[in-house]
Amino acid sequence: MSTMITYLTSVWKLNLTGAAAVVNVYAGAVAVMPLGMLFVVDTVIGNYWLIILSSCAYTMVS
């Protein structure tokens, strides 16, 4: 995260407080995103379709 703060302060010319706020929002979004995906999988997609989709995505990337 310190690399991201350095990038935001040097390239984007943000002050340290603004860069720390951006990094905190990013860290919070990363922490909450699995819960959102869990809700989507349980209510919309279903477990078997998720396994099929993730297997296809893994095969395409590999």
C-alpha atoms as a PDB file:
ATOM      1  CA  MET A   1       0.000   0.000   0.000  1.00  0.00           C
ATOM      2  CA  SER A   2       2.912   2.342   0.585  1.00  0.00           C
ATOM      3  CA  THR A   3       3.808   2.028  -3.093  1.00  0.00           C
ATOM      4  CA  MET A   4       0.303   3.155  -3.999  1.00  0.00           C
ATOM      5  CA  ILE A   5       0.571   6.163  -1.673  1.00  0.00           C
ATOM      6  CA  THR A   6       3.923   7.075  -3.219  1.00  0.00           C
ATOM      7  CA  TYR A   7       2.418   6.831  -6.704  1.00  0.00           C
ATOM      8  CA  LEU A   8      -0.583   8.963  -5.775  1.00  0.00           C
ATOM      9  CA  THR A   9       1.542  11.658  -4.176  1.00  0.00           C
ATOM     10  CA  SER A  10       4.219  11.819  -6.882  1.00  0.00           C
ATOM     11  CA  VAL A  11       2.347  11.177 -10.141  1.00  0.00           C
ATOM     12  CA  TRP A  12      -1.154  12.392  -9.331  1.00  0.00           C
ATOM     13  CA  LYS A  13       0.172  15.187  -7.104  1.00  0.00           C
ATOM     14  CA  LEU A  14      -2.238  14.417  -4.255  1.00  0.00           C
ATOM     15  CA  ASN A  15      -1.390  15.455  -0.743  1.00  0.00           C
ATOM     16  CA  LEU A  16      -0.628  12.725   1.764  1.00  0.00           C
ATOM     17  CA  THR A  17      -4.050  12.936   3.395  1.00  0.00           C
ATOM     18  CA  GLY A  18      -5.877  12.537   0.081  1.00  0.00           C
ATOM     19  CA  ALA A  19      -3.664   9.641  -0.965  1.00  0.00           C
ATOM     20  CA  ALA A  20      -4.272   7.894   2.363  1.00  0.00           C
ATOM     21  CA  ALA A  21      -8.019   8.355   1.908  1.00  0.00           C
ATOM     22  CA  VAL A  22      -7.886   6.774  -1.554  1.00  0.00           C
ATOM     23  CA  VAL A  23      -5.890   3.828  -0.225  1.00  0.00           C
ATOM     24  CA  ASN A  24      -8.313   3.353   2.692  1.00  0.00           C
ATOM     25  CA  VAL A  25     -11.311   3.322   0.342  1.00  0.00           C
ATOM     26  CA  TYR A  26      -9.526   0.808  -1.882  1.00  0.00           C
ATOM     27  CA  ALA A  27      -8.699  -1.449   1.082  1.00  0.00           C
ATOM     28  CA  GLY A  28     -12.297  -1.271   2.286  1.00  0.00           C
ATOM     29  CA  ALA A  29     -13.663  -2.149  -1.142  1.00  0.00           C
ATOM     30  CA  VAL A  30     -11.302  -5.110  -1.390  1.00  0.00           C
ATOM     31  CA  ALA A  31     -12.439  -6.321   2.032  1.00  0.00           C
ATOM     32  CA  VAL A  32     -16.171  -6.011   1.275  1.00  0.00           C
ATOM     33  CA  MET A  33     -16.167  -7.298  -2.307  1.00  0.00           C
ATOM     34  CA  PRO A  34     -16.107 -11.034  -1.405  1.00  0.00           C
ATOM     35  CA  LEU A  35     -19.311 -10.576   0.592  1.00  0.00           C
ATOM     36  CA  GLY A  36     -21.008  -8.945  -2.371  1.00  0.00           C
ATOM     37  CA  MET A  37     -19.877 -11.705  -4.695  1.00  0.00           C
ATOM     38  CA  LEU A  38     -21.056 -14.310  -2.194  1.00  0.00           C
ATOM     39  CA  PHE A  39     -24.511 -12.733  -2.201  1.00  0.00           C
ATOM     40  CA  VAL A  40     -24.631 -12.642  -6.020  1.00  0.00           C
ATOM     41  CA  VAL A  41     -23.540 -16.257  -6.299  1.00  0.00           C
ATOM     42  CA  ASP A  42     -26.029 -17.503  -3.732  1.00  0.00           C
ATOM     43  CA  THR A  43     -29.021 -15.589  -5.053  1.00  0.00           C
ATOM     44  CA  VAL A  44     -28.479 -15.266  -8.790  1.00  0.00           C
ATOM     45  CA  ILE A  45     -25.968 -17.665 -10.273  1.00  0.00           C
ATOM     46  CA  GLY A  46     -25.966 -20.766  -8.111  1.00  0.00           C
ATOM     47  CA  ASN A  47     -23.034 -22.883  -7.059  1.00  0.00           C
ATOM     48  CA  TYR A  48     -22.862 -25.201 -10.067  1.00  0.00           C
ATOM     49  CA  TRP A  49     -22.974 -22.384 -12.609  1.00  0.00           C
ATOM     50  CA  LEU A  50     -20.242 -20.582 -10.725  1.00  0.00           C
ATOM     51  CA  ILE A  51     -18.040 -23.683 -10.896  1.00  0.00           C
ATOM     52  CA  ILE A  52     -18.649 -23.935 -14.640  1.00  0.00           C
ATOM     53  CA  LEU A  53     -17.962 -20.232 -15.239  1.00  0.00           C
ATOM     54  CA  SER A  54     -14.829 -20.175 -13.126  1.00  0.00           C
ATOM     55  CA  SER A  55     -13.539 -23.343 -14.796  1.00  0.00           C
ATOM     56  CA  CYS A  56     -14.068 -21.803 -18.230  1.00  0.00           C
ATOM     57  CA  ALA A  57     -12.364 -18.584 -17.159  1.00  0.00           C
ATOM     58  CA  TYR A  58      -9.426 -20.504 -15.721  1.00  0.00           C
ATOM     59  CA  THR A  59      -9.114 -22.557 -18.917  1.00  0.00           C
ATOM     60  CA  MET A  60      -9.121 -19.405 -21.077  1.00  0.00           C
ATOM     61  CA  VAL A  61      -6.426 -17.728 -18.985  1.00  0.00           C
ATOM     62  CA  SER A  62      -4.161 -20.753 -18.640  1.00  0.00           C
END
